[in-house]
Amino acid sequence: MAQCQFCGADLPFTGRVPREEECPACRRDLHCCRQCVHFDPAVHNQCRETQAEWIVEKERRNFCDYFLLSGRPARRTGPRETPEEKWNRLFGKKK
């Protein structure tokens, strides 16, 4: 079962998803780059599908023919920790 990459809710879909579908929990678009199995922020165009066209808004629905709903667990989407926050979380507050 797939998870929404925005809120982490379980999704009743697998593979291909109609363009107009939304997450039943957070109402965000499902047919968007961020929800796709090919989405990878570390590669060019943030997409591992080399034939896909450039899509500017990765979190909005689109017409990509290569879209497949990702089965990976949801990623953390909040702000990143500062080094000091990470240190405090791992080792406790400085005294």
N, C-alpha and C. Protein backbone atom coordinates (compact mmCIF):
# COMPACT_ATOMS: atom_id res chain seq x y z
N MET A 1 0.84 -1.19 0.00
CA MET A 1 0.00 0.00 0.00
C MET A 1 0.89 1.25 0.00
N ALA A 2 0.51 2.23 -0.75
CA ALA A 2 1.26 3.48 -0.85
C ALA A 2 0.89 4.43 0.28
N GLN A 3 1.76 5.40 0.51
CA GLN A 3 1.50 6.45 1.49
C GLN A 3 1.59 7.80 0.80
N CYS A 4 0.77 8.75 1.26
CA CYS A 4 0.85 10.11 0.76
C CYS A 4 2.19 10.69 1.19
N GLN A 5 2.91 11.28 0.24
CA GLN A 5 4.22 11.85 0.54
C GLN A 5 4.13 13.18 1.28
N PHE A 6 2.92 13.72 1.42
CA PHE A 6 2.73 14.97 2.14
C PHE A 6 2.32 14.74 3.59
N CYS A 7 1.37 13.83 3.83
CA CYS A 7 0.86 13.65 5.20
C CYS A 7 1.12 12.27 5.77
N GLY A 8 1.54 11.30 4.96
CA GLY A 8 1.84 9.97 5.44
C GLY A 8 0.64 9.03 5.52
N ALA A 9 -0.53 9.49 5.10
CA ALA A 9 -1.73 8.66 5.16
C ALA A 9 -1.63 7.50 4.17
N ASP A 10 -2.17 6.35 4.55
CA ASP A 10 -2.23 5.22 3.63
C ASP A 10 -3.20 5.53 2.50
N LEU A 11 -2.80 5.13 1.29
CA LEU A 11 -3.61 5.42 0.11
C LEU A 11 -4.19 4.13 -0.46
N PRO A 12 -5.44 4.17 -0.90
CA PRO A 12 -6.08 2.97 -1.45
C PRO A 12 -5.75 2.75 -2.92
N PHE A 13 -4.65 3.30 -3.41
CA PHE A 13 -4.27 3.21 -4.82
C PHE A 13 -2.91 2.52 -4.95
N THR A 14 -2.67 1.97 -6.12
CA THR A 14 -1.35 1.47 -6.47
C THR A 14 -1.13 1.77 -7.95
N GLY A 15 0.13 1.96 -8.35
CA GLY A 15 0.44 2.16 -9.76
C GLY A 15 -0.13 3.42 -10.36
N ARG A 16 -0.91 3.30 -11.40
CA ARG A 16 -1.47 4.46 -12.11
C ARG A 16 -2.65 5.04 -11.32
N VAL A 17 -2.67 6.36 -11.27
CA VAL A 17 -3.70 7.09 -10.53
C VAL A 17 -4.29 8.14 -11.46
N PRO A 18 -5.61 8.29 -11.51
CA PRO A 18 -6.20 9.34 -12.35
C PRO A 18 -5.68 10.72 -11.94
N ARG A 19 -5.55 11.60 -12.90
CA ARG A 19 -4.98 12.93 -12.67
C ARG A 19 -5.72 13.72 -11.61
N GLU A 20 -7.02 13.56 -11.50
CA GLU A 20 -7.80 14.39 -10.59
C GLU A 20 -7.90 13.85 -9.16
N GLU A 21 -7.27 12.72 -8.88
CA GLU A 21 -7.36 12.12 -7.54
C GLU A 21 -6.60 12.94 -6.50
N GLU A 22 -7.14 12.94 -5.28
CA GLU A 22 -6.53 13.64 -4.15
C GLU A 22 -6.36 12.67 -2.99
N CYS A 23 -5.46 12.99 -2.08
CA CYS A 23 -5.30 12.20 -0.86
C CYS A 23 -6.57 12.35 -0.04
N PRO A 24 -7.16 11.25 0.44
CA PRO A 24 -8.38 11.36 1.22
C PRO A 24 -8.17 12.07 2.57
N ALA A 25 -6.93 12.12 3.05
CA ALA A 25 -6.67 12.74 4.35
C ALA A 25 -6.35 14.23 4.24
N CYS A 26 -5.38 14.60 3.39
CA CYS A 26 -4.94 16.00 3.33
C CYS A 26 -5.42 16.76 2.10
N ARG A 27 -6.08 16.05 1.17
CA ARG A 27 -6.65 16.63 -0.05
C ARG A 27 -5.59 17.19 -1.01
N ARG A 28 -4.33 16.76 -0.90
CA ARG A 28 -3.29 17.17 -1.82
C ARG A 28 -3.35 16.30 -3.07
N ASP A 29 -2.84 16.81 -4.18
CA ASP A 29 -2.85 16.09 -5.45
C ASP A 29 -2.02 14.81 -5.36
N LEU A 30 -2.55 13.72 -5.91
CA LEU A 30 -1.79 12.47 -5.95
C LEU A 30 -0.99 12.32 -7.23
N HIS A 31 -1.52 12.82 -8.34
CA HIS A 31 -0.83 12.70 -9.63
C HIS A 31 0.13 13.87 -9.79
N CYS A 32 1.16 13.91 -8.94
CA CYS A 32 2.18 14.96 -8.99
C CYS A 32 3.56 14.33 -8.82
N CYS A 33 4.57 15.07 -9.20
CA CYS A 33 5.94 14.54 -9.15
C CYS A 33 6.31 14.01 -7.77
N ARG A 34 5.96 14.74 -6.75
CA ARG A 34 6.35 14.37 -5.38
C ARG A 34 5.81 13.00 -4.98
N GLN A 35 4.70 12.56 -5.57
CA GLN A 35 4.07 11.28 -5.24
C GLN A 35 4.54 10.15 -6.16
N CYS A 36 5.41 10.47 -7.12
CA CYS A 36 5.79 9.51 -8.17
C CYS A 36 6.99 8.66 -7.79
N VAL A 37 7.00 7.43 -8.29
CA VAL A 37 8.10 6.51 -8.06
C VAL A 37 9.41 7.03 -8.69
N HIS A 38 9.32 7.86 -9.71
CA HIS A 38 10.49 8.39 -10.40
C HIS A 38 11.07 9.65 -9.74
N PHE A 39 10.35 10.24 -8.80
CA PHE A 39 10.80 11.49 -8.17
C PHE A 39 12.05 11.24 -7.33
N ASP A 40 13.07 12.06 -7.58
CA ASP A 40 14.32 11.98 -6.81
C ASP A 40 14.96 13.36 -6.82
N PRO A 41 14.93 14.06 -5.68
CA PRO A 41 15.48 15.42 -5.65
C PRO A 41 16.97 15.48 -5.93
N ALA A 42 17.66 14.35 -5.90
CA ALA A 42 19.12 14.35 -6.08
C ALA A 42 19.56 14.25 -7.54
N VAL A 43 18.63 14.04 -8.47
CA VAL A 43 19.02 13.90 -9.88
C VAL A 43 18.52 15.10 -10.70
N HIS A 44 19.08 15.23 -11.91
CA HIS A 44 18.67 16.32 -12.81
C HIS A 44 17.17 16.25 -13.07
N ASN A 45 16.53 17.39 -13.04
CA ASN A 45 15.10 17.48 -13.29
C ASN A 45 14.29 16.86 -12.14
N GLN A 46 14.95 16.36 -11.12
CA GLN A 46 14.34 15.69 -9.97
C GLN A 46 13.48 14.50 -10.40
N CYS A 47 13.87 13.88 -11.52
CA CYS A 47 13.11 12.75 -12.06
C CYS A 47 14.06 11.71 -12.64
N ARG A 48 13.87 10.46 -12.27
CA ARG A 48 14.72 9.39 -12.78
C ARG A 48 14.26 8.90 -14.17
N GLU A 49 13.09 9.31 -14.61
CA GLU A 49 12.62 8.95 -15.95
C GLU A 49 13.22 9.95 -16.93
N THR A 50 14.14 9.50 -17.75
CA THR A 50 14.90 10.39 -18.63
C THR A 50 14.07 10.99 -19.76
N GLN A 51 12.95 10.39 -20.11
CA GLN A 51 12.13 10.91 -21.20
C GLN A 51 11.03 11.85 -20.73
N ALA A 52 10.87 12.00 -19.43
CA ALA A 52 9.81 12.87 -18.89
C ALA A 52 10.15 14.33 -19.17
N GLU A 53 9.12 15.11 -19.44
CA GLU A 53 9.31 16.54 -19.66
C GLU A 53 9.53 17.25 -18.33
N TRP A 54 10.16 18.43 -18.40
CA TRP A 54 10.39 19.24 -17.20
C TRP A 54 9.06 19.72 -16.65
N ILE A 55 8.86 19.52 -15.37
CA ILE A 55 7.65 20.00 -14.70
C ILE A 55 8.11 20.93 -13.58
N VAL A 56 7.62 22.15 -13.61
CA VAL A 56 8.08 23.16 -12.66
C VAL A 56 7.53 22.91 -11.27
N GLU A 57 6.22 22.74 -11.15
CA GLU A 57 5.59 22.60 -9.85
C GLU A 57 5.49 21.11 -9.49
N LYS A 58 6.39 20.65 -8.68
CA LYS A 58 6.50 19.23 -8.33
C LYS A 58 5.40 18.76 -7.37
N GLU A 59 4.69 19.69 -6.74
CA GLU A 59 3.68 19.31 -5.75
C GLU A 59 2.26 19.55 -6.24
N ARG A 60 2.09 19.83 -7.52
CA ARG A 60 0.76 20.05 -8.11
C ARG A 60 0.50 19.01 -9.19
N ARG A 61 -0.75 18.72 -9.44
CA ARG A 61 -1.09 17.71 -10.46
C ARG A 61 -0.56 18.11 -11.82
N ASN A 62 -0.25 17.09 -12.63
CA ASN A 62 0.32 17.34 -13.95
C ASN A 62 -0.13 16.26 -14.93
N PHE A 63 0.33 16.36 -16.16
CA PHE A 63 -0.07 15.43 -17.22
C PHE A 63 1.02 14.44 -17.60
N CYS A 64 1.97 14.19 -16.72
CA CYS A 64 3.09 13.31 -17.05
C CYS A 64 2.60 11.89 -17.36
N ASP A 65 3.01 11.37 -18.51
CA ASP A 65 2.62 10.03 -18.93
C ASP A 65 3.39 8.93 -18.20
N TYR A 66 4.48 9.30 -17.54
CA TYR A 66 5.34 8.32 -16.88
C TYR A 66 5.02 8.17 -15.39
N PHE A 67 4.01 8.88 -14.90
CA PHE A 67 3.67 8.85 -13.48
C PHE A 67 3.24 7.46 -13.01
N LEU A 68 3.86 7.03 -11.93
CA LEU A 68 3.45 5.83 -11.20
C LEU A 68 3.50 6.15 -9.72
N LEU A 69 2.43 5.89 -9.00
CA LEU A 69 2.36 6.20 -7.58
C LEU A 69 3.46 5.44 -6.83
N SER A 70 4.18 6.15 -6.03
CA SER A 70 5.29 5.57 -5.28
C SER A 70 4.77 4.70 -4.15
N GLY A 71 5.45 3.59 -3.90
CA GLY A 71 5.10 2.71 -2.79
C GLY A 71 5.99 2.93 -1.59
N ARG A 72 6.91 3.92 -1.68
CA ARG A 72 7.85 4.16 -0.57
C ARG A 72 7.14 4.85 0.60
N PRO A 73 7.67 4.70 1.80
CA PRO A 73 7.10 5.40 2.94
C PRO A 73 7.25 6.91 2.77
N ALA A 74 6.37 7.65 3.40
CA ALA A 74 6.41 9.10 3.32
C ALA A 74 7.71 9.64 3.88
N ARG A 75 8.23 10.68 3.23
CA ARG A 75 9.45 11.34 3.69
C ARG A 75 9.10 12.50 4.61
N ARG A 76 10.03 12.84 5.46
CA ARG A 76 9.84 14.01 6.31
C ARG A 76 9.86 15.25 5.42
N THR A 77 8.87 16.13 5.59
CA THR A 77 8.79 17.30 4.72
C THR A 77 8.98 18.60 5.47
N GLY A 78 9.12 18.55 6.77
CA GLY A 78 9.26 19.76 7.56
C GLY A 78 10.64 20.38 7.39
N PRO A 79 10.86 21.49 8.11
CA PRO A 79 12.17 22.14 8.02
C PRO A 79 13.27 21.24 8.58
N ARG A 80 14.45 21.37 8.02
CA ARG A 80 15.57 20.56 8.48
C ARG A 80 16.09 21.08 9.82
N GLU A 81 16.65 20.17 10.59
CA GLU A 81 17.23 20.54 11.87
C GLU A 81 18.53 21.30 11.67
N THR A 82 18.78 22.26 12.53
CA THR A 82 20.08 22.91 12.54
C THR A 82 21.06 21.96 13.22
N PRO A 83 22.36 22.13 13.00
CA PRO A 83 23.32 21.27 13.70
C PRO A 83 23.15 21.30 15.22
N GLU A 84 22.85 22.47 15.77
CA GLU A 84 22.67 22.57 17.22
C GLU A 84 21.44 21.78 17.68
N GLU A 85 20.34 21.85 16.93
CA GLU A 85 19.14 21.09 17.28
C GLU A 85 19.40 19.60 17.20
N LYS A 86 20.14 19.17 16.19
CA LYS A 86 20.45 17.75 16.06
C LYS A 86 21.33 17.29 17.23
N TRP A 87 22.33 18.09 17.59
CA TRP A 87 23.19 17.77 18.73
C TRP A 87 22.36 17.62 20.00
N ASN A 88 21.47 18.58 20.25
CA ASN A 88 20.63 18.55 21.44
C ASN A 88 19.71 17.34 21.45
N ARG A 89 19.18 16.98 20.28
CA ARG A 89 18.31 15.80 20.21
C ARG A 89 19.09 14.52 20.50
N LEU A 90 20.31 14.45 19.98
CA LEU A 90 21.10 13.24 20.16
C LEU A 90 21.76 13.13 21.54
N PHE A 91 22.26 14.25 22.05
CA PHE A 91 23.06 14.20 23.27
C PHE A 91 22.49 15.01 24.43
N GLY A 92 21.35 15.60 24.25
CA GLY A 92 20.77 16.42 25.32
C GLY A 92 21.30 17.84 25.25
N LYS A 93 20.61 18.73 25.96
CA LYS A 93 20.99 20.14 25.95
C LYS A 93 22.35 20.36 26.56
N LYS A 94 23.05 21.38 26.04
CA LYS A 94 24.35 21.76 26.63
C LYS A 94 24.08 22.39 27.98
N LYS A 95 25.02 22.18 28.90
CA LYS A 95 24.85 22.78 30.23
C LYS A 95 25.80 23.90 30.44
